[in-house]
Amino acid sequence: MPRGFWGSGWTTGDVHGLVEITDDLDAAADTADVHYYWLDRKARDQMRFAAPLNLRVWDKPVTETALLKIPGLDQLEVIRMRQVSNPSWISAE
């Protein structure tokens, strides 16, 4: 998948510890911590904390290639420092 922005959203609550991870879909659906949506089980099993999220995944992402065609956007922190965690800054100002 191309690097870029795939959606937008915000956290809707506090960070909390996860309940025991289960592959039982019915049990998972009965808790506030739903784990059955993970595609990568190894990554899922490494998670210990989570926060509720309101996320809208866009139909069409804005790719890094498209962003770099716009003068000045090459200075976005997320492009200059690829391993920086979220949230990222657009500018220091």
PDB file of N, CA and C in Angstrom:
ATOM      1  N   MET A   1       0.842  -1.174   0.000  1.00  0.00           N
ATOM      2  CA  MET A   1       0.000   0.000   0.000  1.00  0.00           C
ATOM      3  C   MET A   1       0.890   1.240   0.000  1.00  0.00           C
ATOM      4  N   PRO A   2       0.497   2.262  -0.718  1.00  0.00           N
ATOM      5  CA  PRO A   2       1.322   3.462  -0.774  1.00  0.00           C
ATOM      6  C   PRO A   2       1.309   4.218   0.551  1.00  0.00           C
ATOM      7  N   ARG A   3       2.430   4.834   0.841  1.00  0.00           N
ATOM      8  CA  ARG A   3       2.565   5.653   2.042  1.00  0.00           C
ATOM      9  C   ARG A   3       1.723   6.911   1.865  1.00  0.00           C
ATOM     10  N   GLY A   4       1.043   7.330   2.920  1.00  0.00           N
ATOM     11  CA  GLY A   4       0.243   8.541   2.851  1.00  0.00           C
ATOM     12  C   GLY A   4      -0.760   8.624   3.975  1.00  0.00           C
ATOM     13  N   PHE A   5      -1.756   9.457   3.786  1.00  0.00           N
ATOM     14  CA  PHE A   5      -2.826   9.645   4.762  1.00  0.00           C
ATOM     15  C   PHE A   5      -4.032   8.841   4.301  1.00  0.00           C
ATOM     16  N   TRP A   6      -4.540   7.998   5.181  1.00  0.00           N
ATOM     17  CA  TRP A   6      -5.617   7.084   4.832  1.00  0.00           C
ATOM     18  C   TRP A   6      -6.926   7.399   5.529  1.00  0.00           C
ATOM     19  N   GLY A   7      -6.905   8.368   6.453  1.00  0.00           N
ATOM     20  CA  GLY A   7      -8.130   8.699   7.162  1.00  0.00           C
ATOM     21  C   GLY A   7      -7.886   9.804   8.166  1.00  0.00           C
ATOM     22  N   SER A   8      -8.920  10.114   8.905  1.00  0.00           N
ATOM     23  CA  SER A   8      -8.816  11.134   9.947  1.00  0.00           C
ATOM     24  C   SER A   8      -9.703  10.729  11.117  1.00  0.00           C
ATOM     25  N   GLY A   9      -9.340  11.222  12.290  1.00  0.00           N
ATOM     26  CA  GLY A   9     -10.128  10.889  13.465  1.00  0.00           C
ATOM     27  C   GLY A   9      -9.540  11.479  14.717  1.00  0.00           C
ATOM     28  N   TRP A  10     -10.076  11.048  15.851  1.00  0.00           N
ATOM     29  CA  TRP A  10      -9.619  11.539  17.138  1.00  0.00           C
ATOM     30  C   TRP A  10      -9.916  10.494  18.194  1.00  0.00           C
ATOM     31  N   THR A  11      -9.186  10.586  19.303  1.00  0.00           N
ATOM     32  CA  THR A  11      -9.469   9.699  20.424  1.00  0.00           C
ATOM     33  C   THR A  11     -10.716  10.197  21.128  1.00  0.00           C
ATOM     34  N   THR A  12     -11.481   9.277  21.685  1.00  0.00           N
ATOM     35  CA  THR A  12     -12.745   9.636  22.327  1.00  0.00           C
ATOM     36  C   THR A  12     -12.774   9.279  23.804  1.00  0.00           C
ATOM     37  N   GLY A  13     -11.634   8.886  24.348  1.00  0.00           N
ATOM     38  CA  GLY A  13     -11.596   8.526  25.763  1.00  0.00           C
ATOM     39  C   GLY A  13     -10.180   8.287  26.228  1.00  0.00           C
ATOM     40  N   ASP A  14     -10.061   7.847  27.458  1.00  0.00           N
ATOM     41  CA  ASP A  14      -8.758   7.633  28.084  1.00  0.00           C
ATOM     42  C   ASP A  14      -8.126   6.311  27.654  1.00  0.00           C
ATOM     43  N   VAL A  15      -6.805   6.253  27.759  1.00  0.00           N
ATOM     44  CA  VAL A  15      -6.057   5.018  27.528  1.00  0.00           C
ATOM     45  C   VAL A  15      -6.350   4.063  28.684  1.00  0.00           C
ATOM     46  N   HIS A  16      -6.486   2.795  28.376  1.00  0.00           N
ATOM     47  CA  HIS A  16      -6.744   1.795  29.406  1.00  0.00           C
ATOM     48  C   HIS A  16      -6.044   0.488  29.046  1.00  0.00           C
ATOM     49  N   GLY A  17      -5.839  -0.344  30.038  1.00  0.00           N
ATOM     50  CA  GLY A  17      -5.245  -1.656  29.803  1.00  0.00           C
ATOM     51  C   GLY A  17      -6.242  -2.567  29.111  1.00  0.00           C
ATOM     52  N   LEU A  18      -5.735  -3.445  28.288  1.00  0.00           N
ATOM     53  CA  LEU A  18      -6.601  -4.364  27.547  1.00  0.00           C
ATOM     54  C   LEU A  18      -6.994  -5.548  28.405  1.00  0.00           C
ATOM     55  N   VAL A  19      -8.177  -6.065  28.144  1.00  0.00           N
ATOM     56  CA  VAL A  19      -8.593  -7.314  28.772  1.00  0.00           C
ATOM     57  C   VAL A  19      -7.838  -8.448  28.092  1.00  0.00           C
ATOM     58  N   GLU A  20      -7.919  -9.630  28.656  1.00  0.00           N
ATOM     59  CA  GLU A  20      -7.252 -10.772  28.044  1.00  0.00           C
ATOM     60  C   GLU A  20      -7.729 -10.936  26.609  1.00  0.00           C
ATOM     61  N   ILE A  21      -6.793 -11.097  25.709  1.00  0.00           N
ATOM     62  CA  ILE A  21      -7.124 -11.214  24.294  1.00  0.00           C
ATOM     63  C   ILE A  21      -7.686 -12.609  24.027  1.00  0.00           C
ATOM     64  N   THR A  22      -8.747 -12.640  23.257  1.00  0.00           N
ATOM     65  CA  THR A  22      -9.397 -13.905  22.948  1.00  0.00           C
ATOM     66  C   THR A  22      -9.704 -13.979  21.458  1.00  0.00           C
ATOM     67  N   ASP A  23      -9.785 -15.155  20.928  1.00  0.00           N
ATOM     68  CA  ASP A  23     -10.200 -15.331  19.545  1.00  0.00           C
ATOM     69  C   ASP A  23     -11.679 -15.689  19.468  1.00  0.00           C
ATOM     70  N   ASP A  24     -12.354 -15.705  20.612  1.00  0.00           N
ATOM     71  CA  ASP A  24     -13.783 -15.977  20.666  1.00  0.00           C
ATOM     72  C   ASP A  24     -14.515 -14.691  20.300  1.00  0.00           C
ATOM     73  N   LEU A  25     -15.073 -14.630  19.086  1.00  0.00           N
ATOM     74  CA  LEU A  25     -15.707 -13.404  18.598  1.00  0.00           C
ATOM     75  C   LEU A  25     -16.876 -12.973  19.474  1.00  0.00           C
ATOM     76  N   ASP A  26     -17.656 -13.917  19.974  1.00  0.00           N
ATOM     77  CA  ASP A  26     -18.790 -13.554  20.813  1.00  0.00           C
ATOM     78  C   ASP A  26     -18.321 -12.931  22.121  1.00  0.00           C
ATOM     79  N   ALA A  27     -17.296 -13.511  22.730  1.00  0.00           N
ATOM     80  CA  ALA A  27     -16.771 -12.964  23.982  1.00  0.00           C
ATOM     81  C   ALA A  27     -16.146 -11.603  23.745  1.00  0.00           C
ATOM     82  N   ALA A  28     -15.415 -11.451  22.657  1.00  0.00           N
ATOM     83  CA  ALA A  28     -14.771 -10.176  22.358  1.00  0.00           C
ATOM     84  C   ALA A  28     -15.807  -9.091  22.108  1.00  0.00           C
ATOM     85  N   ALA A  29     -16.878  -9.425  21.440  1.00  0.00           N
ATOM     86  CA  ALA A  29     -17.909  -8.433  21.121  1.00  0.00           C
ATOM     87  C   ALA A  29     -18.645  -7.967  22.368  1.00  0.00           C
ATOM     88  N   ASP A  30     -18.596  -8.760  23.449  1.00  0.00           N
ATOM     89  CA  ASP A  30     -19.274  -8.391  24.685  1.00  0.00           C
ATOM     90  C   ASP A  30     -18.442  -7.462  25.560  1.00  0.00           C
ATOM     91  N   THR A  31     -17.221  -7.168  25.173  1.00  0.00           N
ATOM     92  CA  THR A  31     -16.362  -6.301  25.975  1.00  0.00           C
ATOM     93  C   THR A  31     -16.145  -4.982  25.256  1.00  0.00           C
ATOM     94  N   ALA A  32     -15.655  -3.992  26.017  1.00  0.00           N
ATOM     95  CA  ALA A  32     -15.327  -2.701  25.403  1.00  0.00           C
ATOM     96  C   ALA A  32     -14.059  -2.819  24.568  1.00  0.00           C
ATOM     97  N   ASP A  33     -13.277  -3.862  24.812  1.00  0.00           N
ATOM     98  CA  ASP A  33     -12.004  -4.066  24.110  1.00  0.00           C
ATOM     99  C   ASP A  33     -12.177  -5.137  23.051  1.00  0.00           C
ATOM    100  N   VAL A  34     -12.500  -4.741  21.834  1.00  0.00           N
ATOM    101  CA  VAL A  34     -12.754  -5.697  20.764  1.00  0.00           C
ATOM    102  C   VAL A  34     -11.460  -5.912  19.995  1.00  0.00           C
ATOM    103  N   HIS A  35     -11.030  -7.185  19.888  1.00  0.00           N
ATOM    104  CA  HIS A  35      -9.739  -7.504  19.285  1.00  0.00           C
ATOM    105  C   HIS A  35      -9.860  -8.270  17.981  1.00  0.00           C
ATOM    106  N   TYR A  36     -11.038  -8.647  17.585  1.00  0.00           N
ATOM    107  CA  TYR A  36     -11.189  -9.542  16.440  1.00  0.00           C
ATOM    108  C   TYR A  36     -10.909  -8.881  15.100  1.00  0.00           C
ATOM    109  N   TYR A  37     -10.741  -7.548  15.052  1.00  0.00           N
ATOM    110  CA  TYR A  37     -10.514  -6.868  13.780  1.00  0.00           C
ATOM    111  C   TYR A  37      -9.051  -6.882  13.344  1.00  0.00           C
ATOM    112  N   TRP A  38      -8.153  -7.352  14.181  1.00  0.00           N
ATOM    113  CA  TRP A  38      -6.721  -7.357  13.844  1.00  0.00           C
ATOM    114  C   TRP A  38      -6.446  -8.298  12.680  1.00  0.00           C
ATOM    115  N   LEU A  39      -5.634  -7.843  11.725  1.00  0.00           N
ATOM    116  CA  LEU A  39      -5.197  -8.698  10.630  1.00  0.00           C
ATOM    117  C   LEU A  39      -3.898  -9.410  10.977  1.00  0.00           C
ATOM    118  N   ASP A  40      -3.082  -8.802  11.826  1.00  0.00           N
ATOM    119  CA  ASP A  40      -1.782  -9.337  12.214  1.00  0.00           C
ATOM    120  C   ASP A  40      -1.863  -9.784  13.671  1.00  0.00           C
ATOM    121  N   ARG A  41      -2.012 -11.099  13.875  1.00  0.00           N
ATOM    122  CA  ARG A  41      -2.173 -11.611  15.242  1.00  0.00           C
ATOM    123  C   ARG A  41      -0.956 -11.343  16.116  1.00  0.00           C
ATOM    124  N   LYS A  42       0.248 -11.406  15.556  1.00  0.00           N
ATOM    125  CA  LYS A  42       1.451 -11.147  16.350  1.00  0.00           C
ATOM    126  C   LYS A  42       1.441  -9.709  16.871  1.00  0.00           C
ATOM    127  N   ALA A  43       1.102  -8.767  16.003  1.00  0.00           N
ATOM    128  CA  ALA A  43       1.007  -7.365  16.427  1.00  0.00           C
ATOM    129  C   ALA A  43      -0.107  -7.205  17.462  1.00  0.00           C
ATOM    130  N   ARG A  44      -1.238  -7.851  17.226  1.00  0.00           N
ATOM    131  CA  ARG A  44      -2.353  -7.792  18.171  1.00  0.00           C
ATOM    132  C   ARG A  44      -1.938  -8.275  19.547  1.00  0.00           C
ATOM    133  N   ASP A  45      -1.229  -9.387  19.604  1.00  0.00           N
ATOM    134  CA  ASP A  45      -0.853  -9.977  20.879  1.00  0.00           C
ATOM    135  C   ASP A  45       0.175  -9.146  21.635  1.00  0.00           C
ATOM    136  N   GLN A  46       0.839  -8.206  20.961  1.00  0.00           N
ATOM    137  CA  GLN A  46       1.815  -7.340  21.623  1.00  0.00           C
ATOM    138  C   GLN A  46       1.162  -6.102  22.235  1.00  0.00           C
ATOM    139  N   MET A  47      -0.092  -5.841  21.898  1.00  0.00           N
ATOM    140  CA  MET A  47      -0.788  -4.663  22.415  1.00  0.00           C
ATOM    141  C   MET A  47      -1.172  -4.876  23.875  1.00  0.00           C
ATOM    142  N   ARG A  48      -0.914  -3.876  24.696  1.00  0.00           N
ATOM    143  CA  ARG A  48      -1.272  -3.963  26.108  1.00  0.00           C
ATOM    144  C   ARG A  48      -2.175  -2.817  26.553  1.00  0.00           C
ATOM    145  N   PHE A  49      -2.211  -1.751  25.765  1.00  0.00           N
ATOM    146  CA  PHE A  49      -3.027  -0.589  26.101  1.00  0.00           C
ATOM    147  C   PHE A  49      -3.772  -0.128  24.858  1.00  0.00           C
ATOM    148  N   ALA A  50      -4.887   0.522  25.047  1.00  0.00           N
ATOM    149  CA  ALA A  50      -5.673   1.022  23.921  1.00  0.00           C
ATOM    150  C   ALA A  50      -6.466   2.245  24.370  1.00  0.00           C
ATOM    151  N   ALA A  51      -6.963   2.987  23.397  1.00  0.00           N
ATOM    152  CA  ALA A  51      -7.858   4.109  23.655  1.00  0.00           C
ATOM    153  C   ALA A  51      -8.964   4.058  22.608  1.00  0.00           C
ATOM    154  N   PRO A  52     -10.178   4.403  22.997  1.00  0.00           N
ATOM    155  CA  PRO A  52     -11.257   4.421  22.010  1.00  0.00           C
ATOM    156  C   PRO A  52     -10.987   5.480  20.949  1.00  0.00           C
ATOM    157  N   LEU A  53     -11.405   5.202  19.747  1.00  0.00           N
ATOM    158  CA  LEU A  53     -11.062   6.044  18.614  1.00  0.00           C
ATOM    159  C   LEU A  53     -12.266   6.196  17.691  1.00  0.00           C
ATOM    160  N   ASN A  54     -12.480   7.416  17.228  1.00  0.00           N
ATOM    161  CA  ASN A  54     -13.464   7.678  16.188  1.00  0.00           C
ATOM    162  C   ASN A  54     -12.647   7.926  14.923  1.00  0.00           C
ATOM    163  N   LEU A  55     -12.651   6.985  14.016  1.00  0.00           N
ATOM    164  CA  LEU A  55     -11.802   7.044  12.833  1.00  0.00           C
ATOM    165  C   LEU A  55     -12.635   6.882  11.577  1.00  0.00           C
ATOM    166  N   ARG A  56     -12.419   7.770  10.640  1.00  0.00           N
ATOM    167  CA  ARG A  56     -13.054   7.656   9.325  1.00  0.00           C
ATOM    168  C   ARG A  56     -11.949   7.328   8.321  1.00  0.00           C
ATOM    169  N   VAL A  57     -12.004   6.148   7.733  1.00  0.00           N
ATOM    170  CA  VAL A  57     -11.058   5.756   6.694  1.00  0.00           C
ATOM    171  C   VAL A  57     -11.612   6.261   5.373  1.00  0.00           C
ATOM    172  N   TRP A  58     -10.809   7.020   4.654  1.00  0.00           N
ATOM    173  CA  TRP A  58     -11.256   7.632   3.408  1.00  0.00           C
ATOM    174  C   TRP A  58     -11.339   6.606   2.287  1.00  0.00           C
ATOM    175  N   ASP A  59     -12.204   6.854   1.323  1.00  0.00           N
ATOM    176  CA  ASP A  59     -12.325   5.987   0.157  1.00  0.00           C
ATOM    177  C   ASP A  59     -11.046   6.014  -0.676  1.00  0.00           C
ATOM    178  N   LYS A  60     -10.405   7.173  -0.738  1.00  0.00           N
ATOM    179  CA  LYS A  60      -9.180   7.326  -1.521  1.00  0.00           C
ATOM    180  C   LYS A  60      -8.128   8.035  -0.659  1.00  0.00           C
ATOM    181  N   PRO A  61      -6.975   7.395  -0.424  1.00  0.00           N
ATOM    182  CA  PRO A  61      -5.953   8.038   0.410  1.00  0.00           C
ATOM    183  C   PRO A  61      -5.288   9.210  -0.306  1.00  0.00           C
ATOM    184  N   VAL A  62      -4.666  10.067   0.485  1.00  0.00           N
ATOM    185  CA  VAL A  62      -3.814  11.123  -0.062  1.00  0.00           C
ATOM    186  C   VAL A  62      -2.393  10.581   0.064  1.00  0.00           C
ATOM    187  N   THR A  63      -1.794  10.227  -1.054  1.00  0.00           N
ATOM    188  CA  THR A  63      -0.487   9.574  -1.023  1.00  0.00           C
ATOM    189  C   THR A  63       0.640  10.586  -0.800  1.00  0.00           C
ATOM    190  N   GLU A  64       1.748  10.086  -0.310  1.00  0.00           N
ATOM    191  CA  GLU A  64       2.932  10.924  -0.131  1.00  0.00           C
ATOM    192  C   GLU A  64       3.380  11.500  -1.472  1.00  0.00           C
ATOM    193  N   THR A  65       3.283  10.726  -2.518  1.00  0.00           N
ATOM    194  CA  THR A  65       3.652  11.205  -3.856  1.00  0.00           C
ATOM    195  C   THR A  65       2.827  12.429  -4.236  1.00  0.00           C
ATOM    196  N   ALA A  66       1.529  12.398  -3.969  1.00  0.00           N
ATOM    197  CA  ALA A  66       0.664  13.545  -4.266  1.00  0.00           C
ATOM    198  C   ALA A  66       1.016  14.739  -3.387  1.00  0.00           C
ATOM    199  N   LEU A  67       1.303  14.495  -2.111  1.00  0.00           N
ATOM    200  CA  LEU A  67       1.665  15.581  -1.201  1.00  0.00           C
ATOM    201  C   LEU A  67       2.942  16.282  -1.638  1.00  0.00           C
ATOM    202  N   LEU A  68       3.913  15.519  -2.101  1.00  0.00           N
ATOM    203  CA  LEU A  68       5.211  16.098  -2.466  1.00  0.00           C
ATOM    204  C   LEU A  68       5.137  16.968  -3.711  1.00  0.00           C
ATOM    205  N   LYS A  69       4.034  16.906  -4.432  1.00  0.00           N
ATOM    206  CA  LYS A  69       3.839  17.782  -5.592  1.00  0.00           C
ATOM    207  C   LYS A  69       3.402  19.187  -5.171  1.00  0.00           C
ATOM    208  N   ILE A  70       3.027  19.349  -3.904  1.00  0.00           N
ATOM    209  CA  ILE A  70       2.567  20.639  -3.384  1.00  0.00           C
ATOM    210  C   ILE A  70       3.740  21.325  -2.692  1.00  0.00           C
ATOM    211  N   PRO A  71       4.162  22.501  -3.202  1.00  0.00           N
ATOM    212  CA  PRO A  71       5.324  23.196  -2.617  1.00  0.00           C
ATOM    213  C   PRO A  71       5.157  23.411  -1.107  1.00  0.00           C
ATOM    214  N   GLY A  72       6.219  23.087  -0.374  1.00  0.00           N
ATOM    215  CA  GLY A  72       6.249  23.301   1.068  1.00  0.00           C
ATOM    216  C   GLY A  72       5.827  22.117   1.904  1.00  0.00           C
ATOM    217  N   LEU A  73       5.046  21.199   1.341  1.00  0.00           N
ATOM    218  CA  LEU A  73       4.588  20.065   2.146  1.00  0.00           C
ATOM    219  C   LEU A  73       5.678  19.030   2.385  1.00  0.00           C
ATOM    220  N   ASP A  74       6.806  19.173   1.691  1.00  0.00           N
ATOM    221  CA  ASP A  74       7.931  18.279   1.963  1.00  0.00           C
ATOM    222  C   ASP A  74       8.501  18.529   3.357  1.00  0.00           C
ATOM    223  N   GLN A  75       8.074  19.605   4.009  1.00  0.00           N
ATOM    224  CA  GLN A  75       8.547  19.917   5.353  1.00  0.00           C
ATOM    225  C   GLN A  75       7.653  19.367   6.460  1.00  0.00           C
ATOM    226  N   LEU A  76       6.562  18.686   6.091  1.00  0.00           N
ATOM    227  CA  LEU A  76       5.729  18.052   7.114  1.00  0.00           C
ATOM    228  C   LEU A  76       6.583  17.096   7.941  1.00  0.00           C
ATOM    229  N   GLU A  77       6.407  17.136   9.248  1.00  0.00           N
ATOM    230  CA  GLU A  77       7.205  16.279  10.129  1.00  0.00           C
ATOM    231  C   GLU A  77       7.051  14.801   9.769  1.00  0.00           C
ATOM    232  N   VAL A  78       5.861  14.397   9.418  1.00  0.00           N
ATOM    233  CA  VAL A  78       5.606  12.995   9.107  1.00  0.00           C
ATOM    234  C   VAL A  78       6.356  12.550   7.848  1.00  0.00           C
ATOM    235  N   ILE A  79       6.723  13.486   6.988  1.00  0.00           N
ATOM    236  CA  ILE A  79       7.513  13.160   5.793  1.00  0.00           C
ATOM    237  C   ILE A  79       9.013  13.257   6.094  1.00  0.00           C
ATOM    238  N   ARG A  80       9.423  14.287   6.833  1.00  0.00           N
ATOM    239  CA  ARG A  80      10.848  14.472   7.143  1.00  0.00           C
ATOM    240  C   ARG A  80      11.368  13.407   8.089  1.00  0.00           C
ATOM    241  N   MET A  81      10.573  12.998   9.069  1.00  0.00           N
ATOM    242  CA  MET A  81      11.001  12.031  10.086  1.00  0.00           C
ATOM    243  C   MET A  81       9.989  10.896  10.128  1.00  0.00           C
ATOM    244  N   ARG A  82      10.198   9.907   9.320  1.00  0.00           N
ATOM    245  CA  ARG A  82       9.214   8.841   9.110  1.00  0.00           C
ATOM    246  C   ARG A  82       8.915   7.994  10.336  1.00  0.00           C
ATOM    247  N   GLN A  83       9.801   7.919  11.276  1.00  0.00           N
ATOM    248  CA  GLN A  83       9.572   7.057  12.438  1.00  0.00           C
ATOM    249  C   GLN A  83       9.031   7.798  13.651  1.00  0.00           C
ATOM    250  N   VAL A  84       8.645   9.048  13.495  1.00  0.00           N
ATOM    251  CA  VAL A  84       8.107   9.834  14.597  1.00  0.00           C
ATOM    252  C   VAL A  84       6.687   9.362  14.891  1.00  0.00           C
ATOM    253  N   SER A  85       6.357   9.306  16.173  1.00  0.00           N
ATOM    254  CA  SER A  85       5.014   8.859  16.548  1.00  0.00           C
ATOM    255  C   SER A  85       3.999  10.001  16.406  1.00  0.00           C
ATOM    256  N   ASN A  86       2.735   9.631  16.423  1.00  0.00           N
ATOM    257  CA  ASN A  86       1.656  10.609  16.372  1.00  0.00           C
ATOM    258  C   ASN A  86       1.476  11.255  17.735  1.00  0.00           C
ATOM    259  N   PRO A  87       0.978  12.444  17.843  1.00  0.00           N
ATOM    260  CA  PRO A  87       0.603  13.321  16.735  1.00  0.00           C
ATOM    261  C   PRO A  87       1.814  13.972  16.114  1.00  0.00           C
ATOM    262  N   SER A  88       1.712  14.327  14.867  1.00  0.00           N
ATOM    263  CA  SER A  88       2.786  15.019  14.149  1.00  0.00           C
ATOM    264  C   SER A  88       2.420  16.483  14.006  1.00  0.00           C
ATOM    265  N   TRP A  89       3.433  17.300  13.780  1.00  0.00           N
ATOM    266  CA  TRP A  89       3.246  18.732  13.626  1.00  0.00           C
ATOM    267  C   TRP A  89       3.297  19.108  12.159  1.00  0.00           C
ATOM    268  N   ILE A  90       2.483  20.069  11.771  1.00  0.00           N
ATOM    269  CA  ILE A  90       2.578  20.618  10.412  1.00  0.00           C
ATOM    270  C   ILE A  90       3.718  21.599  10.371  1.00  0.00           C
ATOM    271  N   SER A  91       3.840  22.447  11.402  1.00  0.00           N
ATOM    272  CA  SER A  91       4.956  23.375  11.505  1.00  0.00           C
ATOM    273  C   SER A  91       5.146  23.733  12.975  1.00  0.00           C
ATOM    274  N   ALA A  92       6.317  24.234  13.322  1.00  0.00           N
ATOM    275  CA  ALA A  92       6.590  24.669  14.678  1.00  0.00           C
ATOM    276  C   ALA A  92       5.710  25.868  15.052  1.00  0.00           C
ATOM    277  N   GLU A  93       5.413  26.701  14.076  1.00  0.00           N
ATOM    278  CA  GLU A  93       4.568  27.863  14.323  1.00  0.00           C
ATOM    279  C   GLU A  93       3.134  27.445  14.584  1.00  0.00           C
TER     280      GLU A  93
END
